[in-house]
C-alpha atoms as a PDB file:
ATOM      1  CA  MET A   1      74.718 -12.977  18.767  1.00  0.00           C
ATOM      2  CA  ASP A   2      75.954 -14.972  21.687  1.00  0.00           C
ATOM      3  CA  SER A   3      73.177 -13.662  24.392  1.00  0.00           C
ATOM      4  CA  LEU A   4      75.091 -15.080  27.373  1.00  0.00           C
ATOM      5  CA  SER A   5      78.548 -13.374  26.314  1.00  0.00           C
ATOM      6  CA  LEU A   6      76.666 -10.179  25.747  1.00  0.00           C
ATOM      7  CA  LEU A   7      75.493 -10.409  29.138  1.00  0.00           C
ATOM      8  CA  THR A   8      78.960 -11.367  30.462  1.00  0.00           C
ATOM      9  CA  ASP A   9      80.762  -8.706  28.701  1.00  0.00           C
ATOM     10  CA  LEU A  10      78.553  -6.013  30.047  1.00  0.00           C
ATOM     11  CA  LEU A  11      78.706  -7.171  33.411  1.00  0.00           C
ATOM     12  CA  ASN A  12      82.391  -7.138  32.974  1.00  0.00           C
ATOM     13  CA  LEU A  13      82.675  -3.204  32.484  1.00  0.00           C
ATOM     14  CA  TYR A  14      81.160  -1.925  35.993  1.00  0.00           C
ATOM     15  CA  SER A  15      78.909   1.044  35.025  1.00  0.00           C
ATOM     16  CA  PRO A  16      77.911   2.687  38.389  1.00  0.00           C
ATOM     17  CA  THR A  17      75.797   6.238  37.625  1.00  0.00           C
ATOM     18  CA  ASP A  18      77.643   8.679  35.775  1.00  0.00           C
ATOM     19  CA  HIS A  19      80.527   6.188  34.252  1.00  0.00           C
ATOM     20  CA  THR A  20      78.733   4.170  31.728  1.00  0.00           C
ATOM     21  CA  ALA A  21      80.075   5.465  28.576  1.00  0.00           C
ATOM     22  CA  GLU A  22      81.820   2.326  28.192  1.00  0.00           C
ATOM     23  CA  ALA A  23      79.371   0.065  28.252  1.00  0.00           C
ATOM     24  CA  VAL A  24      77.107   2.347  26.245  1.00  0.00           C
ATOM     25  CA  ASN A  25      79.649   2.165  23.594  1.00  0.00           C
ATOM     26  CA  TYR A  26      80.221  -1.416  23.520  1.00  0.00           C
ATOM     27  CA  LEU A  27      76.396  -2.443  23.919  1.00  0.00           C
ATOM     28  CA  VAL A  28      76.407   0.087  20.842  1.00  0.00           C
ATOM     29  CA  GLU A  29      78.730  -1.921  18.958  1.00  0.00           C
ATOM     30  CA  GLN A  30      77.405  -5.255  19.791  1.00  0.00           C
ATOM     31  CA  MET A  31      73.827  -3.889  18.581  1.00  0.00           C
ATOM     32  CA  ARG A  32      75.481  -2.626  15.265  1.00  0.00           C
ATOM     33  CA  ALA A  33      76.925  -6.320  14.534  1.00  0.00           C
ATOM     34  CA  ALA A  34      73.474  -7.977  15.163  1.00  0.00           C
ATOM     35  CA  GLY A  35      71.842  -5.271  12.726  1.00  0.00           C
ATOM     36  CA  PHE A  36      70.517  -2.731  14.484  1.00  0.00           C
ATOM     37  CA  ALA A  37      70.909   1.072  13.325  1.00  0.00           C
ATOM     38  CA  ALA A  38      72.539   1.734  16.801  1.00  0.00           C
ATOM     39  CA  SER A  39      74.246   5.036  18.039  1.00  0.00           C
ATOM     40  CA  VAL A  40      74.270   7.094  21.636  1.00  0.00           C
ATOM     41  CA  ASP A  41      71.732   9.430  22.142  1.00  0.00           C
ATOM     42  CA  GLY A  42      72.436  13.003  23.416  1.00  0.00           C
ATOM     43  CA  ALA A  43      71.676  11.817  27.180  1.00  0.00           C
ATOM     44  CA  GLY A  44      74.364   9.066  27.016  1.00  0.00           C
ATOM     45  CA  ASN A  45      71.956   6.466  26.030  1.00  0.00           C
ATOM     46  CA  ALA A  46      72.395   3.222  23.844  1.00  0.00           C
ATOM     47  CA  VAL A  47      69.458   3.330  21.024  1.00  0.00           C
ATOM     48  CA  GLY A  48      69.277   0.497  18.887  1.00  0.00           C
ATOM     49  CA  VAL A  49      66.745   0.139  16.363  1.00  0.00           C
ATOM     50  CA  MET A  50      65.343  -2.754  14.435  1.00  0.00           C
ATOM     51  CA  GLY A  51      62.857  -3.013  11.619  1.00  0.00           C
ATOM     52  CA  ALA A  52      60.573  -0.566   9.600  1.00  0.00           C
ATOM     53  CA  SER A  53      61.980   2.900   9.582  1.00  0.00           C
ATOM     54  CA  HIS A  54      58.387   4.685  10.618  1.00  0.00           C
ATOM     55  CA  GLY A  55      55.299   3.940  11.398  1.00  0.00           C
ATOM     56  CA  PRO A  56      52.363   3.125  14.154  1.00  0.00           C
ATOM     57  CA  ASN A  57      53.761   0.020  15.079  1.00  0.00           C
ATOM     58  CA  GLU A  58      56.789   0.933  17.120  1.00  0.00           C
ATOM     59  CA  ILE A  59      57.546  -1.037  20.466  1.00  0.00           C
ATOM     60  CA  VAL A  60      59.893   0.535  22.801  1.00  0.00           C
ATOM     61  CA  LEU A  61      62.529  -1.722  25.092  1.00  0.00           C
ATOM     62  CA  LEU A  62      63.657   0.466  28.063  1.00  0.00           C
ATOM     63  CA  GLY A  63      66.170  -0.933  30.236  1.00  0.00           C
ATOM     64  CA  HIS A  64      69.241   0.804  32.305  1.00  0.00           C
ATOM     65  CA  ILE A  65      72.749   0.079  31.902  1.00  0.00           C
ATOM     66  CA  ASP A  66      73.578   1.937  34.820  1.00  0.00           C
ATOM     67  CA  THR A  67      74.042   0.416  38.318  1.00  0.00           C
ATOM     68  CA  VAL A  68      74.472   1.087  42.055  1.00  0.00           C
ATOM     69  CA  PRO A  69      78.043   1.141  43.427  1.00  0.00           C
ATOM     70  CA  GLY A  70      79.982  -1.528  44.589  1.00  0.00           C
ATOM     71  CA  LEU A  71      82.179  -4.039  42.262  1.00  0.00           C
ATOM     72  CA  ILE A  72      80.803  -7.669  42.129  1.00  0.00           C
ATOM     73  CA  PRO A  73      83.474  -9.984  40.588  1.00  0.00           C
ATOM     74  CA  VAL A  74      82.126 -11.236  37.794  1.00  0.00           C
ATOM     75  CA  ARG A  75      82.041 -14.930  38.016  1.00  0.00           C
ATOM     76  CA  ARG A  76      80.114 -18.171  37.139  1.00  0.00           C
ATOM     77  CA  ASP A  77      79.291 -20.662  39.602  1.00  0.00           C
ATOM     78  CA  GLY A  78      77.157 -23.681  38.182  1.00  0.00           C
ATOM     79  CA  ASP A  79      73.924 -21.662  37.116  1.00  0.00           C
ATOM     80  CA  ARG A  80      74.814 -19.025  38.757  1.00  0.00           C
ATOM     81  CA  LEU A  81      76.101 -15.700  37.465  1.00  0.00           C
ATOM     82  CA  TYR A  82      77.478 -13.084  39.705  1.00  0.00           C
ATOM     83  CA  GLY A  83      78.283  -9.299  39.012  1.00  0.00           C
ATOM     84  CA  ARG A  84      77.039  -5.923  39.594  1.00  0.00           C
ATOM     85  CA  GLY A  85      73.958  -5.195  37.291  1.00  0.00           C
ATOM     86  CA  ALA A  86      73.448  -9.062  36.944  1.00  0.00           C
ATOM     87  CA  VAL A  87      69.566  -8.425  37.816  1.00  0.00           C
ATOM     88  CA  ASP A  88      69.388  -4.643  37.992  1.00  0.00           C
ATOM     89  CA  ALA A  89      69.389  -4.134  35.092  1.00  0.00           C
ATOM     90  CA  LYS A  90      71.858  -5.640  32.676  1.00  0.00           C
ATOM     91  CA  GLY A  91      70.295  -9.050  32.774  1.00  0.00           C
ATOM     92  CA  PRO A  92      66.867  -7.311  31.414  1.00  0.00           C
ATOM     93  CA  LEU A  93      68.379  -5.159  29.075  1.00  0.00           C
ATOM     94  CA  ALA A  94      70.773  -7.889  27.534  1.00  0.00           C
ATOM     95  CA  ALA A  95      67.704 -10.121  27.281  1.00  0.00           C
ATOM     96  CA  PHE A  96      65.857  -7.144  25.317  1.00  0.00           C
ATOM     97  CA  VAL A  97      68.505  -6.919  23.002  1.00  0.00           C
ATOM     98  CA  ALA A  98      69.055 -10.374  22.303  1.00  0.00           C
ATOM     99  CA  ALA A  99      65.472 -11.006  21.886  1.00  0.00           C
ATOM    100  CA  VAL A 100      64.998  -8.652  19.064  1.00  0.00           C
ATOM    101  CA  ALA A 101      68.307  -9.425  17.397  1.00  0.00           C
ATOM    102  CA  GLN A 102      66.563 -13.061  17.031  1.00  0.00           C
ATOM    103  CA  VAL A 103      63.638 -11.660  15.836  1.00  0.00           C
ATOM    104  CA  GLY A 104      64.925  -9.348  13.286  1.00  0.00           C
ATOM    105  CA  PRO A 105      63.816  -6.721  10.836  1.00  0.00           C
ATOM    106  CA  LEU A 106      60.375  -6.946  10.143  1.00  0.00           C
ATOM    107  CA  PRO A 107      58.655  -4.971   7.894  1.00  0.00           C
ATOM    108  CA  ASP A 108      55.600  -4.019   9.970  1.00  0.00           C
ATOM    109  CA  ARG A 109      57.055  -3.240  13.266  1.00  0.00           C
ATOM    110  CA  ARG A 110      59.967  -0.606  14.951  1.00  0.00           C
ATOM    111  CA  PHE A 111      62.120  -2.083  17.911  1.00  0.00           C
ATOM    112  CA  VAL A 112      63.553   0.291  19.783  1.00  0.00           C
ATOM    113  CA  VAL A 113      65.690  -0.635  22.034  1.00  0.00           C
ATOM    114  CA  ILE A 114      67.135   1.710  24.803  1.00  0.00           C
ATOM    115  CA  GLY A 115      70.184   1.476  27.616  1.00  0.00           C
ATOM    116  CA  ALA A 116      69.524   4.226  29.488  1.00  0.00           C
ATOM    117  CA  MET A 117      71.866   6.054  32.007  1.00  0.00           C
ATOM    118  CA  ASP A 118      70.685   7.502  35.289  1.00  0.00           C
ATOM    119  CA  GLU A 119      68.135   5.080  35.917  1.00  0.00           C
ATOM    120  CA  GLU A 120      69.813   4.583  39.746  1.00  0.00           C
ATOM    121  CA  GLY A 121      70.159   8.591  39.893  1.00  0.00           C
ATOM    122  CA  ASP A 122      67.730  11.191  38.730  1.00  0.00           C
ATOM    123  CA  SER A 123      66.405   9.196  35.319  1.00  0.00           C
ATOM    124  CA  HIS A 124      68.203  11.753  33.303  1.00  0.00           C
ATOM    125  CA  GLY A 125      68.171   9.105  30.555  1.00  0.00           C
ATOM    126  CA  ALA A 126      64.546   8.474  30.250  1.00  0.00           C
ATOM    127  CA  ARG A 127      63.484  12.066  30.823  1.00  0.00           C
ATOM    128  CA  PHE A 128      65.651  12.547  27.909  1.00  0.00           C
ATOM    129  CA  ILE A 129      63.876  10.362  25.582  1.00  0.00           C
ATOM    130  CA  ALA A 130      60.393  11.585  26.910  1.00  0.00           C
ATOM    131  CA  ASP A 131      59.284  13.625  23.825  1.00  0.00           C
ATOM    132  CA  LYS A 132      61.417  11.676  21.461  1.00  0.00           C
ATOM    133  CA  TYR A 133      59.419   8.739  21.010  1.00  0.00           C
ATOM    134  CA  ARG A 134      55.480   7.591  20.394  1.00  0.00           C
ATOM    135  CA  PRO A 135      55.451   4.016  20.854  1.00  0.00           C
ATOM    136  CA  ALA A 136      52.445   1.653  20.593  1.00  0.00           C
ATOM    137  CA  CYS A 137      53.534  -0.309  23.356  1.00  0.00           C
ATOM    138  CA  LEU A 138      56.287   0.358  26.297  1.00  0.00           C
ATOM    139  CA  ILE A 139      58.490  -2.889  27.884  1.00  0.00           C
ATOM    140  CA  ILE A 140      60.408  -1.745  30.730  1.00  0.00           C
ATOM    141  CA  GLY A 141      63.610  -3.791  31.450  1.00  0.00           C
ATOM    142  CA  GLU A 142      63.612  -4.769  35.268  1.00  0.00           C
ATOM    143  CA  PRO A 143      63.872  -7.946  37.134  1.00  0.00           C
ATOM    144  CA  SER A 144      60.332  -9.411  37.377  1.00  0.00           C
ATOM    145  CA  GLY A 145      61.138 -13.339  37.665  1.00  0.00           C
ATOM    146  CA  TRP A 146      60.829 -14.921  34.188  1.00  0.00           C
ATOM    147  CA  GLU A 147      57.293 -15.882  34.521  1.00  0.00           C
ATOM    148  CA  ARG A 148      56.057 -12.514  36.180  1.00  0.00           C
ATOM    149  CA  LEU A 149      55.015  -9.515  34.724  1.00  0.00           C
ATOM    150  CA  THR A 150      55.067  -6.275  36.559  1.00  0.00           C
ATOM    151  CA  LEU A 151      52.246  -4.095  36.298  1.00  0.00           C
ATOM    152  CA  GLY A 152      53.332  -0.977  38.652  1.00  0.00           C
ATOM    153  CA  TYR A 153      56.037   1.238  40.783  1.00  0.00           C
ATOM    154  CA  LYS A 154      55.506   3.272  44.017  1.00  0.00           C
ATOM    155  CA  GLY A 155      56.243   7.098  43.486  1.00  0.00           C
ATOM    156  CA  SER A 156      59.141   8.370  45.072  1.00  0.00           C
ATOM    157  CA  ALA A 157      60.998  11.781  46.611  1.00  0.00           C
ATOM    158  CA  TRP A 158      64.100  12.727  48.322  1.00  0.00           C
ATOM    159  CA  LEU A 159      64.121  15.461  50.597  1.00  0.00           C
ATOM    160  CA  GLU A 160      66.321  17.513  53.319  1.00  0.00           C
ATOM    161  CA  PHE A 161      64.851  18.743  56.314  1.00  0.00           C
ATOM    162  CA  ARG A 162      67.121  21.846  58.031  1.00  0.00           C
ATOM    163  CA  ALA A 163      66.816  23.464  61.106  1.00  0.00           C
ATOM    164  CA  ARG A 164      68.843  26.070  62.733  1.00  0.00           C
ATOM    165  CA  ARG A 165      68.593  27.318  66.379  1.00  0.00           C
ATOM    166  CA  ALA A 166      70.294  29.948  68.827  1.00  0.00           C
ATOM    167  CA  VAL A 167      72.480  27.984  71.198  1.00  0.00           C
ATOM    168  CA  GLY A 168      71.638  28.231  74.451  1.00  0.00           C
ATOM    169  CA  HIS A 169      72.666  26.638  78.042  1.00  0.00           C
ATOM    170  CA  THR A 170      71.320  22.836  78.257  1.00  0.00           C
ATOM    171  CA  ALA A 171      69.880  23.796  81.128  1.00  0.00           C
ATOM    172  CA  GLY A 172      67.783  25.543  79.499  1.00  0.00           C
ATOM    173  CA  GLN A 173      64.082  24.839  78.193  1.00  0.00           C
ATOM    174  CA  SER A 174      64.678  25.749  74.603  1.00  0.00           C
ATOM    175  CA  GLU A 175      64.865  23.775  72.035  1.00  0.00           C
ATOM    176  CA  SER A 176      67.855  22.642  70.001  1.00  0.00           C
ATOM    177  CA  ALA A 177      68.489  22.214  66.585  1.00  0.00           C
ATOM    178  CA  CYS A 178      68.697  18.574  66.829  1.00  0.00           C
ATOM    179  CA  GLU A 179      65.633  18.145  68.738  1.00  0.00           C
ATOM    180  CA  ALA A 180      63.412  19.790  66.050  1.00  0.00           C
ATOM    181  CA  ALA A 181      65.020  17.597  63.684  1.00  0.00           C
ATOM    182  CA  VAL A 182      63.989  14.748  65.913  1.00  0.00           C
ATOM    183  CA  GLY A 183      60.462  15.982  66.327  1.00  0.00           C
ATOM    184  CA  PHE A 184      60.131  16.744  62.514  1.00  0.00           C
ATOM    185  CA  TRP A 185      61.081  13.033  61.917  1.00  0.00           C
ATOM    186  CA  ASN A 186      58.485  11.824  64.586  1.00  0.00           C
ATOM    187  CA  ARG A 187      55.937  14.130  62.910  1.00  0.00           C
ATOM    188  CA  VAL A 188      56.640  12.361  59.354  1.00  0.00           C
ATOM    189  CA  VAL A 189      56.035   8.713  61.028  1.00  0.00           C
ATOM    190  CA  ALA A 190      53.298   9.706  62.892  1.00  0.00           C
ATOM    191  CA  TYR A 191      51.531  10.977  59.616  1.00  0.00           C
ATOM    192  CA  ALA A 192      52.267   8.498  57.397  1.00  0.00           C
ATOM    193  CA  GLY A 193      51.389   6.000  60.286  1.00  0.00           C
ATOM    194  CA  GLU A 194      47.811   8.119  60.313  1.00  0.00           C
ATOM    195  CA  TYR A 195      47.339   7.741  56.418  1.00  0.00           C
ATOM    196  CA  ASN A 196      48.581   4.201  55.942  1.00  0.00           C
ATOM    197  CA  THR A 197      45.584   2.822  59.171  1.00  0.00           C
ATOM    198  CA  GLU A 198      42.713   3.451  56.104  1.00  0.00           C
ATOM    199  CA  ARG A 199      44.664   1.584  53.888  1.00  0.00           C
ATOM    200  CA  ASP A 200      45.090  -2.377  54.193  1.00  0.00           C
ATOM    201  CA  ALA A 201      48.538  -3.331  55.921  1.00  0.00           C
ATOM    202  CA  ARG A 202      48.965  -6.383  54.090  1.00  0.00           C
ATOM    203  CA  ARG A 203      49.100  -4.149  50.757  1.00  0.00           C
ATOM    204  CA  VAL A 204      52.821  -2.389  50.502  1.00  0.00           C
ATOM    205  CA  PHE A 205      52.088  -0.831  47.853  1.00  0.00           C
ATOM    206  CA  ASP A 206      49.125   1.191  48.773  1.00  0.00           C
ATOM    207  CA  GLN A 207      51.137   2.847  51.661  1.00  0.00           C
ATOM    208  CA  LEU A 208      53.232   5.702  52.252  1.00  0.00           C
ATOM    209  CA  THR A 209      56.436   4.793  53.390  1.00  0.00           C
ATOM    210  CA  PRO A 210      59.213   7.387  54.552  1.00  0.00           C
ATOM    211  CA  THR A 211      62.784   5.936  55.635  1.00  0.00           C
ATOM    212  CA  LEU A 212      65.631   8.364  57.415  1.00  0.00           C
ATOM    213  CA  ARG A 213      68.668   8.032  55.135  1.00  0.00           C
ATOM    214  CA  GLY A 214      71.010  10.113  56.747  1.00  0.00           C
ATOM    215  CA  MET A 215      71.847  12.860  59.431  1.00  0.00           C
ATOM    216  CA  ARG A 216      74.334  15.325  60.519  1.00  0.00           C
ATOM    217  CA  SER A 217      74.556  18.367  63.038  1.00  0.00           C
ATOM    218  CA  ASP A 218      77.299  21.258  63.652  1.00  0.00           C
ATOM    219  CA  SER A 219      77.876  24.370  65.549  1.00  0.00           C
ATOM    220  CA  ASP A 220      79.587  27.486  65.140  1.00  0.00           C
ATOM    221  CA  GLY A 221      79.450  28.954  69.013  1.00  0.00           C
ATOM    222  CA  PHE A 222      76.136  31.066  68.098  1.00  0.00           C
ATOM    223  CA  ALA A 223      74.292  28.610  66.613  1.00  0.00           C
ATOM    224  CA  ASP A 224      73.560  24.823  66.362  1.00  0.00           C
ATOM    225  CA  SER A 225      72.257  23.225  63.143  1.00  0.00           C
ATOM    226  CA  ALA A 226      70.517  19.509  62.172  1.00  0.00           C
ATOM    227  CA  ALA A 227      69.706  18.004  58.858  1.00  0.00           C
ATOM    228  CA  LEU A 228      67.843  14.947  58.019  1.00  0.00           C
ATOM    229  CA  ARG A 229      67.771  13.112  54.675  1.00  0.00           C
ATOM    230  CA  LEU A 230      64.349  11.290  53.880  1.00  0.00           C
ATOM    231  CA  GLY A 231      63.295   9.149  51.126  1.00  0.00           C
ATOM    232  CA  LEU A 232      59.518   8.078  50.754  1.00  0.00           C
ATOM    233  CA  ARG A 233      57.401   6.014  48.718  1.00  0.00           C
ATOM    234  CA  LEU A 234      54.599   7.185  47.328  1.00  0.00           C
ATOM    235  CA  PRO A 235      51.286   5.199  47.026  1.00  0.00           C
ATOM    236  CA  PRO A 236      48.931   5.695  43.614  1.00  0.00           C
ATOM    237  CA  GLY A 237      47.545   8.485  44.101  1.00  0.00           C
ATOM    238  CA  PHE A 238      49.423  10.624  46.459  1.00  0.00           C
ATOM    239  CA  SER A 239      50.824  13.566  44.296  1.00  0.00           C
ATOM    240  CA  VAL A 240      54.461  15.357  44.621  1.00  0.00           C
ATOM    241  CA  GLU A 241      52.270  18.277  45.264  1.00  0.00           C
ATOM    242  CA  GLU A 242      50.468  17.280  47.973  1.00  0.00           C
ATOM    243  CA  LEU A 243      53.719  15.409  49.941  1.00  0.00           C
ATOM    244  CA  THR A 244      54.961  18.930  49.437  1.00  0.00           C
ATOM    245  CA  ALA A 245      52.474  20.673  51.196  1.00  0.00           C
ATOM    246  CA  GLN A 246      52.085  18.160  53.883  1.00  0.00           C
ATOM    247  CA  LEU A 247      55.964  18.173  54.446  1.00  0.00           C
ATOM    248  CA  ASN A 248      55.739  22.193  54.680  1.00  0.00           C
ATOM    249  CA  SER A 249      53.043  21.696  57.511  1.00  0.00           C
ATOM    250  CA  LEU A 250      54.895  19.228  59.612  1.00  0.00           C
ATOM    251  CA  ALA A 251      58.128  21.249  59.064  1.00  0.00           C
ATOM    252  CA  ASN A 252      56.601  24.174  61.651  1.00  0.00           C
ATOM    253  CA  GLY A 253      58.723  26.901  59.677  1.00  0.00           C
ATOM    254  CA  ASP A 254      62.091  24.944  59.395  1.00  0.00           C
ATOM    255  CA  GLU A 255      63.650  24.739  55.674  1.00  0.00           C
ATOM    256  CA  ILE A 256      62.399  21.497  53.451  1.00  0.00           C
ATOM    257  CA  GLU A 257      64.306  21.056  50.241  1.00  0.00           C
ATOM    258  CA  ILE A 258      62.217  18.284  47.743  1.00  0.00           C
ATOM    259  CA  PHE A 259      65.123  17.409  45.268  1.00  0.00           C
ATOM    260  CA  PRO A 260      64.691  16.936  41.618  1.00  0.00           C
ATOM    261  CA  GLY A 261      63.353  14.149  40.338  1.00  0.00           C
ATOM    262  CA  ALA A 262      60.574  13.059  42.639  1.00  0.00           C
ATOM    263  CA  VAL A 263      57.883  11.193  40.461  1.00  0.00           C
ATOM    264  CA  PRO A 264      54.356   9.661  41.330  1.00  0.00           C
ATOM    265  CA  ALA A 265      53.436   6.399  41.238  1.00  0.00           C
ATOM    266  CA  HIS A 266      52.379   4.288  38.095  1.00  0.00           C
ATOM    267  CA  ARG A 267      50.126   1.638  37.544  1.00  0.00           C
ATOM    268  CA  ALA A 268      49.496  -0.039  34.246  1.00  0.00           C
ATOM    269  CA  GLU A 269      46.417  -1.660  32.643  1.00  0.00           C
ATOM    270  CA  LYS A 270      46.147  -5.487  32.970  1.00  0.00           C
ATOM    271  CA  ASN A 271      43.828  -5.746  30.241  1.00  0.00           C
ATOM    272  CA  THR A 272      46.200  -5.074  26.834  1.00  0.00           C
ATOM    273  CA  PRO A 273      47.456  -6.527  24.066  1.00  0.00           C
ATOM    274  CA  LEU A 274      50.780  -6.177  25.324  1.00  0.00           C
ATOM    275  CA  VAL A 275      50.020  -8.134  28.613  1.00  0.00           C
ATOM    276  CA  ARG A 276      48.220 -10.723  26.725  1.00  0.00           C
ATOM    277  CA  ALA A 277      51.015 -11.408  24.363  1.00  0.00           C
ATOM    278  CA  PHE A 278      53.386 -11.522  27.666  1.00  0.00           C
ATOM    279  CA  LEU A 279      51.213 -14.446  28.990  1.00  0.00           C
ATOM    280  CA  ALA A 280      50.887 -16.337  25.763  1.00  0.00           C
ATOM    281  CA  ALA A 281      54.539 -16.626  25.457  1.00  0.00           C
ATOM    282  CA  ILE A 282      55.191 -17.613  28.991  1.00  0.00           C
ATOM    283  CA  ARG A 283      52.884 -20.250  28.737  1.00  0.00           C
ATOM    284  CA  ALA A 284      54.718 -21.298  25.681  1.00  0.00           C
ATOM    285  CA  GLN A 285      57.949 -21.839  27.161  1.00  0.00           C
ATOM    286  CA  GLY A 286      56.074 -23.888  29.733  1.00  0.00           C
ATOM    287  CA  GLY A 287      56.245 -21.250  32.363  1.00  0.00           C
ATOM    288  CA  VAL A 288      52.869 -20.241  34.786  1.00  0.00           C
ATOM    289  CA  PRO A 289      52.789 -16.354  34.310  1.00  0.00           C
ATOM    290  CA  GLY A 290      51.701 -13.923  37.318  1.00  0.00           C
ATOM    291  CA  PHE A 291      51.686 -10.435  38.171  1.00  0.00           C
ATOM    292  CA  THR A 292      53.442  -8.454  40.547  1.00  0.00           C
ATOM    293  CA  VAL A 293      53.310  -4.554  41.594  1.00  0.00           C
ATOM    294  CA  LYS A 294      56.927  -3.178  42.904  1.00  0.00           C
ATOM    295  CA  THR A 295      57.401  -1.008  46.101  1.00  0.00           C
ATOM    296  CA  GLY A 296      60.435   0.525  44.395  1.00  0.00           C
ATOM    297  CA  THR A 297      60.579   3.037  41.427  1.00  0.00           C
ATOM    298  CA  SER A 298      62.015   2.550  37.751  1.00  0.00           C
ATOM    299  CA  ASP A 299      61.936   4.538  34.467  1.00  0.00           C
ATOM    300  CA  MET A 300      58.265   3.090  34.115  1.00  0.00           C
ATOM    301  CA  ASN A 301      56.932   6.292  36.379  1.00  0.00           C
ATOM    302  CA  VAL A 302      58.712   8.752  34.130  1.00  0.00           C
ATOM    303  CA  VAL A 303      57.667   7.981  30.656  1.00  0.00           C
ATOM    304  CA  ALA A 304      54.657   5.920  31.233  1.00  0.00           C
ATOM    305  CA  PRO A 305      52.718   8.512  31.860  1.00  0.00           C
ATOM    306  CA  VAL A 306      53.942  10.584  29.301  1.00  0.00           C
ATOM    307  CA  TRP A 307      53.317   8.013  26.302  1.00  0.00           C
ATOM    308  CA  ASN A 308      50.047   6.506  27.787  1.00  0.00           C
ATOM    309  CA  CYS A 309      50.560   3.681  25.895  1.00  0.00           C
ATOM    310  CA  PRO A 310      50.107  -0.301  26.852  1.00  0.00           C
ATOM    311  CA  THR A 311      53.141  -0.904  29.616  1.00  0.00           C
ATOM    312  CA  LEU A 312      54.510  -3.200  31.818  1.00  0.00           C
ATOM    313  CA  ALA A 313      57.632  -4.353  33.266  1.00  0.00           C
ATOM    314  CA  TYR A 314      59.787  -7.326  32.478  1.00  0.00           C
ATOM    315  CA  GLY A 315      63.186  -9.484  32.761  1.00  0.00           C
ATOM    316  CA  PRO A 316      64.679 -12.175  33.817  1.00  0.00           C
ATOM    317  CA  GLY A 317      66.507 -12.482  37.527  1.00  0.00           C
ATOM    318  CA  ASP A 318      65.479 -12.085  41.438  1.00  0.00           C
ATOM    319  CA  SER A 319      64.717  -8.319  42.264  1.00  0.00           C
ATOM    320  CA  SER A 320      65.470  -9.149  45.879  1.00  0.00           C
ATOM    321  CA  LEU A 321      69.176  -9.539  45.114  1.00  0.00           C
ATOM    322  CA  ASP A 322      68.797  -5.677  43.437  1.00  0.00           C
ATOM    323  CA  HIS A 323      72.221  -3.823  45.061  1.00  0.00           C
ATOM    324  CA  THR A 324      73.118  -6.375  47.500  1.00  0.00           C
ATOM    325  CA  PRO A 325      77.093  -8.136  47.304  1.00  0.00           C
ATOM    326  CA  GLU A 326      75.142 -11.245  46.199  1.00  0.00           C
ATOM    327  CA  GLU A 327      73.935 -10.120  43.093  1.00  0.00           C
ATOM    328  CA  HIS A 328      73.174 -12.501  40.505  1.00  0.00           C
ATOM    329  CA  ILE A 329      71.149 -14.081  38.003  1.00  0.00           C
ATOM    330  CA  LEU A 330      70.658 -17.833  37.026  1.00  0.00           C
ATOM    331  CA  VAL A 331      71.708 -18.278  33.463  1.00  0.00           C
ATOM    332  CA  SER A 332      68.607 -21.049  32.826  1.00  0.00           C
ATOM    333  CA  GLU A 333      66.380 -17.964  33.756  1.00  0.00           C
ATOM    334  CA  TYR A 334      67.901 -15.489  31.461  1.00  0.00           C
ATOM    335  CA  LEU A 335      67.922 -17.581  28.545  1.00  0.00           C
ATOM    336  CA  ARG A 336      64.265 -18.236  29.211  1.00  0.00           C
ATOM    337  CA  GLY A 337      63.652 -14.631  29.727  1.00  0.00           C
END
C-alpha cells in the first residue's frame, strides 16, 4: 500500500457528513487490496479486519471518514498536503489503515479499522458499533500531533431555547420574546461563570463553556417569538442530566430542547499497556512523547464508556487546523505517525 496515495485519494473524495458513500467504498476497496477482510456495515461505516478471526486480543482503531463542509482543493506545497479532512480526520484514519497493512495478519491479534460516518454530526456511526465490539484496546483517530497522545475529550450538548410573548406596545413594561431570550443567555453565562470560579482558570478542560451559535425572531402580529441555539462543552463529572435540570431552571418556564447526541466528558487512564506501548513507539521514532486533553468532543465519548478498555486518541496533524480554510497536514509528520 502506498500510504501517501491512500491519503491523497481520500482527500480528493470530498465527504461532508451525509455524503460519505464514495469515500467509504474507496476505502473498503483499498483495504481489501491490502489484505483486510473489508466491508460496509449497516450504518455505512468502512470496516476492515486484519488478523485472527476471533479471540480476546482485539484492537479497534476507530477513525472517521466524514468531514465538515467546505471544499478545499487538494494540493501539495512542499511538505504540506492541503485538503478538507487532512487532519480531521482522514490523516489519522489513513495512518491507521497503512500501519495495520504494514503489520499484516498476526495469529494472536485481531485489528479492526473503522472509518466511521457522522462523527461531525450525531456520531451515528460510532453509536451503531457500540454494541458490536468488545475490544481489548481502543485507539481513536484524531489529530494529536505525531508525538502526543490525547487522553480525554470534553462532553457536549446542543440545545434550543424558545420564547413566545403576546405583542405589546413598545412603551409598555411587558417583557418581549427577544428580551426573554437575551435574559436566558445572560443567566446561562452567569451560571457557567459561577461554576468555573471554583476551578482553575488555566484548565479549560475542567470548565463549563457555553457558546451562542444562532438566533432568530419572528412575529405574526399577535405574538412575538425568539429562539437561541446554544452549544455547551461539559467538563468531567458534569452529566447531561445535570445540564438538563440546570437549563430548565434557568429558562423560567420557556421551552428548552436538548438535541439528541449529547454526551458527557470522558478521560482515559494514563497508566495502561496501550499508553506505554505508544510512548515506547514514539521514542523509537525519535520523538519526545507527551499528553494532552481536548476541549472538543470525539467518538471516544460515545464508545469508550461502553467498552471500558484501555483507550487513547492518536493521529498525525495539528488540531488547530481542524475545520479551517487552511487545513493541511505535513507529509513528513503523517509518515512518522
